[in-house]
């Protein structure tokens, strides 16, 4: 048995040696784990939705919210700083993210993110209100915050989007993919999503990384906002970062199962019916049903 195990280990080492010429190993990032990322997101969520998350004493702290938040901000700053340091490895640097702010340390980047939390909180409040306004089954804001997968996914997206804008690699995608696993809603952190975004049900929604979505947009389960084609260069390598996903203007509603592909524009106030397949621009205030696209 010992000889067999040694033989397996030797073959494994040979394969890993070949693989390392293509996929460079990352070392020194012990803290970069799903649990560490989950802990950061949970701490942020406690701050964004006071009294809703954070254990049995969350509501008892409501009277001293400022004091409790200050302690959480301090703890969060340390946790996030460590994660940012962890992703600063050779493999992560190759990802097509915006460059980190020039000359800023992990501590400064973490602080810059914390400074965005008031704006994130305001955006999520508008998302919650939009869902309650659009869904007659929503009984209260707290019910939406506690139970709706759309708010869980949007919380992760809005956190990840701000981290991406700071040029922090890998971490934004980890956050949104964890939410994807939890909710079935796949939102790339590079997408730009406006105020009052309402997701109803949500399972199977896909929003690509170069999507631009305006204010007061509502989408239902199974909607895909994707790319029509993948562009390659003369050597066959994929061209990344080019605008390839739809632009959805303000006040648009997209019903279940609709697929909208390519860099097209869905005009303001339009309604896209269920199971529509759309690859062309449509003007403002259009109503598109499946029979219109057959």
Protein backbone atom coordinates (compact mmCIF):
# COMPACT_ATOMS: atom_id res chain seq x y z
CA UNK A 1 0.00 0.00 0.00
CA UNK A 2 2.82 2.39 0.85
CA UNK A 3 4.40 1.85 -2.57
CA UNK A 4 1.06 2.44 -4.31
CA UNK A 5 0.48 5.69 -2.44
CA UNK A 6 4.01 6.87 -3.23
CA UNK A 7 3.42 6.05 -6.91
CA UNK A 8 0.16 8.02 -6.92
CA UNK A 9 1.84 10.96 -5.20
CA UNK A 10 4.68 10.90 -7.76
CA UNK A 11 2.28 10.89 -10.72
CA UNK A 12 0.24 13.64 -9.11
CA UNK A 13 3.36 15.76 -8.63
CA UNK A 14 4.28 15.31 -12.29
CA UNK A 15 0.83 16.41 -13.44
CA UNK A 16 0.88 19.41 -11.10
CA UNK A 17 4.30 20.39 -12.42
CA UNK A 18 2.89 20.47 -15.95
CA UNK A 19 -0.26 22.31 -14.84
CA UNK A 20 1.73 24.98 -13.02
CA UNK A 21 3.21 26.11 -16.33
CA UNK A 22 -0.31 27.14 -17.38
CA UNK A 23 -2.04 27.87 -14.08
CA UNK A 24 0.31 29.63 -11.71
CA UNK A 25 -0.25 28.53 -8.11
CA UNK A 26 -1.17 31.21 -5.56
CA UNK A 27 0.47 30.98 -2.19
CA UNK A 28 0.18 33.06 0.94
CA UNK A 29 -3.59 33.55 0.71
CA UNK A 30 -4.65 31.23 3.53
CA UNK A 31 -7.37 33.62 4.69
CA UNK A 32 -9.06 33.70 1.28
CA UNK A 33 -11.76 31.12 1.96
CA UNK A 34 -15.46 31.00 1.29
CA UNK A 35 -16.04 31.22 5.02
CA UNK A 36 -13.92 34.38 5.36
CA UNK A 37 -15.77 36.00 2.45
CA UNK A 38 -19.11 34.91 3.87
CA UNK A 39 -18.20 36.42 7.25
CA UNK A 40 -17.42 39.77 5.61
CA UNK A 41 -20.69 39.78 3.64
CA UNK A 42 -22.64 38.85 6.79
CA UNK A 43 -21.02 41.68 8.74
CA UNK A 44 -21.81 44.16 5.96
CA UNK A 45 -25.39 42.91 5.82
CA UNK A 46 -25.76 43.52 9.57
CA UNK A 47 -24.77 47.14 8.96
CA UNK A 48 -26.99 47.56 5.91
CA UNK A 49 -30.11 46.13 7.55
CA UNK A 50 -29.89 47.01 11.25
CA UNK A 51 -32.07 44.93 13.55
CA UNK A 52 -32.58 42.21 10.93
CA UNK A 53 -29.31 40.28 11.08
CA UNK A 54 -26.53 39.76 13.56
CA UNK A 55 -27.78 37.33 16.17
CA UNK A 56 -30.16 37.47 19.08
CA UNK A 57 -28.94 40.82 20.43
CA UNK A 58 -29.37 42.73 17.15
CA UNK A 59 -32.63 44.41 18.16
CA UNK A 60 -31.43 45.11 21.70
CA UNK A 61 -28.64 47.16 20.15
CA UNK A 62 -31.07 49.26 18.14
CA UNK A 63 -31.09 51.98 20.78
CA UNK A 64 -27.32 52.30 20.56
CA UNK A 65 -27.05 51.79 16.80
CA UNK A 66 -24.30 54.34 16.34
CA UNK A 67 -22.10 52.74 19.00
CA UNK A 68 -22.75 49.24 17.67
CA UNK A 69 -22.09 50.30 14.09
CA UNK A 70 -18.80 51.94 15.01
CA UNK A 71 -17.53 48.69 16.52
CA UNK A 72 -18.73 46.71 13.50
CA UNK A 73 -17.11 49.17 11.10
CA UNK A 74 -13.80 48.74 12.91
CA UNK A 75 -14.09 44.94 12.83
CA UNK A 76 -15.20 44.96 9.21
CA UNK A 77 -12.28 47.18 8.20
CA UNK A 78 -9.83 44.65 9.61
CA UNK A 79 -11.58 41.67 8.03
CA UNK A 80 -11.86 43.29 4.61
CA UNK A 81 -8.26 44.53 4.71
CA UNK A 82 -7.05 40.96 5.19
CA UNK A 83 -9.15 39.71 2.28
CA UNK A 84 -7.86 42.46 -0.01
CA UNK A 85 -4.30 41.53 0.92
CA UNK A 86 -5.11 37.90 0.20
CA UNK A 87 -6.22 38.51 -3.38
CA UNK A 88 -3.12 40.54 -4.18
CA UNK A 89 -1.40 37.52 -5.75
CA UNK A 90 0.01 36.88 -9.22
CA UNK A 91 -2.96 34.86 -10.46
CA UNK A 92 -5.49 37.46 -9.40
CA UNK A 93 -3.57 40.30 -11.02
CA UNK A 94 -4.18 38.75 -14.44
CA UNK A 95 -7.95 39.19 -14.21
CA UNK A 96 -9.52 41.94 -16.37
CA UNK A 97 -10.44 44.25 -13.48
CA UNK A 98 -9.93 47.99 -13.28
CA UNK A 99 -6.53 48.80 -11.76
CA UNK A 100 -6.56 49.46 -8.01
CA UNK A 101 -6.50 53.10 -7.02
CA UNK A 102 -2.94 54.28 -7.49
CA UNK A 103 -0.77 54.03 -4.42
CA UNK A 104 -3.52 52.91 -2.06
CA UNK A 105 -2.78 50.22 0.50
CA UNK A 106 -5.17 47.42 1.42
CA UNK A 107 -6.15 49.42 4.51
CA UNK A 108 -6.93 52.48 2.40
CA UNK A 109 -8.93 50.45 -0.14
CA UNK A 110 -10.91 48.87 2.68
CA UNK A 111 -11.62 52.31 4.13
CA UNK A 112 -12.67 53.60 0.70
CA UNK A 113 -15.17 50.76 0.46
CA UNK A 114 -16.57 51.49 3.91
CA UNK A 115 -17.14 55.08 2.81
CA UNK A 116 -19.51 53.75 0.11
CA UNK A 117 -21.72 51.83 2.54
CA UNK A 118 -24.18 54.70 3.16
CA UNK A 119 -24.85 54.88 -0.59
CA UNK A 120 -25.20 51.09 -0.80
CA UNK A 121 -27.65 51.16 2.10
CA UNK A 122 -29.75 53.80 0.33
CA UNK A 123 -29.80 51.82 -2.93
CA UNK A 124 -30.85 48.62 -1.17
CA UNK A 125 -33.60 50.47 0.69
CA UNK A 126 -34.98 51.56 -2.68
CA UNK A 127 -34.70 47.97 -3.97
CA UNK A 128 -36.71 46.71 -1.00
CA UNK A 129 -39.36 49.39 -1.53
CA UNK A 130 -39.56 48.56 -5.25
CA UNK A 131 -40.23 44.90 -4.52
CA UNK A 132 -42.97 45.75 -2.03
CA UNK A 133 -44.52 48.13 -4.55
CA UNK A 134 -44.50 45.55 -7.36
CA UNK A 135 -45.31 42.32 -5.52
CA UNK A 136 -48.77 42.01 -3.92
CA UNK A 137 -47.51 38.95 -2.01
CA UNK A 138 -44.95 41.04 -0.11
CA UNK A 139 -46.44 41.77 3.32
CA UNK A 140 -43.72 44.01 4.75
CA UNK A 141 -40.25 45.41 4.18
CA UNK A 142 -38.88 43.06 6.83
CA UNK A 143 -40.37 40.04 5.05
CA UNK A 144 -38.63 41.10 1.84
CA UNK A 145 -35.31 41.62 3.64
CA UNK A 146 -35.47 38.32 5.50
CA UNK A 147 -36.87 36.03 2.82
CA UNK A 148 -36.63 37.33 -0.74
CA UNK A 149 -33.74 35.88 -2.77
CA UNK A 150 -33.73 38.98 -4.97
CA UNK A 151 -32.66 41.18 -2.06
CA UNK A 152 -30.04 38.68 -0.97
CA UNK A 153 -28.62 38.64 -4.50
CA UNK A 154 -28.78 42.43 -4.83
CA UNK A 155 -27.07 42.93 -1.48
CA UNK A 156 -24.16 40.80 -2.66
CA UNK A 157 -24.14 42.48 -6.07
CA UNK A 158 -24.08 46.02 -4.68
CA UNK A 159 -21.24 45.10 -2.29
CA UNK A 160 -19.29 43.35 -5.05
CA UNK A 161 -19.83 46.14 -7.59
CA UNK A 162 -18.25 48.73 -5.30
CA UNK A 163 -15.29 46.43 -4.61
CA UNK A 164 -14.83 45.96 -8.35
CA UNK A 165 -14.88 49.73 -8.93
CA UNK A 166 -12.01 49.97 -6.44
CA UNK A 167 -10.05 47.56 -8.63
CA UNK A 168 -10.06 44.69 -6.14
CA UNK A 169 -9.74 41.39 -8.05
CA UNK A 170 -11.45 38.03 -7.49
CA UNK A 171 -13.28 39.04 -4.31
CA UNK A 172 -16.24 40.68 -6.15
CA UNK A 173 -16.79 37.57 -8.25
CA UNK A 174 -16.52 35.30 -5.21
CA UNK A 175 -19.24 37.32 -3.49
CA UNK A 176 -21.69 37.26 -6.41
CA UNK A 177 -21.06 33.59 -7.19
CA UNK A 178 -21.75 32.65 -3.57
CA UNK A 179 -25.05 34.53 -3.87
CA UNK A 180 -25.64 32.75 -7.18
CA UNK A 181 -25.26 29.39 -5.42
CA UNK A 182 -27.61 30.47 -2.64
CA UNK A 183 -30.34 32.05 -4.76
CA UNK A 184 -30.06 30.87 -8.37
CA UNK A 185 -29.65 34.52 -9.42
CA UNK A 186 -26.46 35.19 -11.40
CA UNK A 187 -25.48 38.87 -11.45
CA UNK A 188 -21.99 39.75 -12.63
CA UNK A 189 -20.39 42.41 -10.39
CA UNK A 190 -19.45 44.44 -13.46
CA UNK A 191 -23.06 45.15 -14.39
CA UNK A 192 -24.38 48.65 -13.72
CA UNK A 193 -27.80 48.60 -12.03
CA UNK A 194 -29.77 51.71 -11.11
CA UNK A 195 -32.14 52.54 -8.27
CA UNK A 196 -35.29 50.67 -7.32
CA UNK A 197 -34.40 47.37 -8.99
CA UNK A 198 -37.11 44.79 -8.31
CA UNK A 199 -36.49 41.07 -8.74
CA UNK A 200 -39.62 38.92 -8.38
CA UNK A 201 -39.01 35.22 -7.66
CA UNK A 202 -35.63 35.41 -9.37
CA UNK A 203 -34.57 31.82 -9.99
CA UNK A 204 -32.58 31.50 -13.19
CA UNK A 205 -31.94 35.20 -13.79
CA UNK A 206 -28.63 35.94 -15.57
CA UNK A 207 -27.27 39.50 -15.86
CA UNK A 208 -24.04 39.86 -17.82
CA UNK A 209 -21.02 41.90 -16.83
CA UNK A 210 -21.49 44.81 -19.26
CA UNK A 211 -25.23 45.23 -18.77
CA UNK A 212 -26.50 48.71 -18.00
CA UNK A 213 -29.85 48.77 -16.21
CA UNK A 214 -31.66 52.01 -15.42
CA UNK A 215 -33.93 53.01 -12.54
CA UNK A 216 -37.19 51.33 -11.53
CA UNK A 217 -36.69 48.19 -13.61
CA UNK A 218 -38.54 44.98 -12.72
CA UNK A 219 -37.54 41.52 -13.91
CA UNK A 220 -38.98 38.08 -13.24
CA UNK A 221 -37.56 34.59 -13.01
CA UNK A 222 -35.66 33.02 -15.88
CA UNK A 223 -34.67 36.30 -17.57
CA UNK A 224 -31.34 36.35 -19.40
CA UNK A 225 -29.55 39.58 -20.25
CA UNK A 226 -26.69 38.07 -22.19
CA UNK A 227 -24.26 38.38 -25.06
CA UNK A 228 -25.22 37.59 -28.64
CA UNK A 229 -21.78 36.49 -29.77
CA UNK A 230 -18.29 36.12 -28.40
CA UNK A 231 -15.61 38.14 -30.20
CA UNK A 232 -12.14 36.65 -30.74
CA UNK A 233 -8.96 38.31 -31.97
CA UNK A 234 -6.86 37.16 -34.93
CA UNK A 235 -5.14 34.55 -32.75
CA UNK A 236 -8.45 33.12 -31.57
CA UNK A 237 -8.22 34.54 -28.06
CA UNK A 238 -11.40 35.99 -26.59
CA UNK A 239 -11.63 39.77 -26.51
CA UNK A 240 -12.69 40.65 -22.98
CA UNK A 241 -14.25 43.77 -21.57
CA UNK A 242 -16.06 44.90 -24.71
CA UNK A 243 -19.71 46.04 -24.29
CA UNK A 244 -21.74 42.99 -25.31
CA UNK A 245 -24.80 42.93 -23.05
CA UNK A 246 -28.09 44.86 -23.24
CA UNK A 247 -28.91 48.37 -22.07
CA UNK A 248 -32.23 48.41 -20.22
CA UNK A 249 -33.56 51.93 -19.77
CA UNK A 250 -35.71 53.25 -16.89
CA UNK A 251 -39.14 51.87 -15.97
CA UNK A 252 -38.86 48.65 -18.01
CA UNK A 253 -40.60 45.41 -17.00
CA UNK A 254 -39.26 42.07 -18.26
CA UNK A 255 -41.44 39.03 -17.68
CA UNK A 256 -40.46 35.44 -16.96
CA UNK A 257 -38.27 33.53 -19.38
CA UNK A 258 -37.39 36.45 -21.65
CA UNK A 259 -33.97 36.33 -23.33
CA UNK A 260 -32.40 39.62 -24.42
CA UNK A 261 -29.05 39.33 -26.17
CA UNK A 262 -26.35 41.64 -27.47
CA UNK A 263 -25.57 45.33 -27.10
CA UNK A 264 -29.10 46.45 -27.81
CA UNK A 265 -31.26 49.03 -26.07
CA UNK A 266 -34.68 48.38 -24.57
CA UNK A 267 -36.34 51.79 -24.52
CA UNK A 268 -37.73 53.45 -21.45
CA UNK A 269 -41.11 52.28 -20.17
CA UNK A 270 -41.18 49.16 -22.36
CA UNK A 271 -42.77 45.86 -21.41
CA UNK A 272 -41.13 42.61 -22.54
CA UNK A 273 -43.46 39.63 -22.36
CA UNK A 274 -42.71 36.13 -21.13
CA UNK A 275 -40.45 33.87 -23.22
CA UNK A 276 -39.60 36.65 -25.68
CA UNK A 277 -36.33 36.23 -27.61
CA UNK A 278 -35.02 39.72 -28.40
CA UNK A 279 -31.88 40.75 -30.30
CA UNK A 280 -32.90 44.14 -31.75
CA UNK A 281 -33.31 47.62 -30.32
CA UNK A 282 -36.83 48.61 -29.35
CA UNK A 283 -38.07 52.17 -28.84
CA UNK A 284 -39.50 53.64 -25.67
CA UNK A 285 -42.90 52.46 -24.43
CA UNK A 286 -42.91 49.33 -26.59
CA UNK A 287 -44.86 46.21 -25.71
CA UNK A 288 -43.22 43.08 -27.07
CA UNK A 289 -44.83 39.66 -26.84
CA UNK A 290 -43.57 36.30 -27.98
CA UNK A 291 -45.67 36.36 -31.15
CA UNK A 292 -43.95 39.65 -32.14
CA UNK A 293 -40.57 37.89 -32.30
CA UNK A 294 -41.61 34.66 -34.05
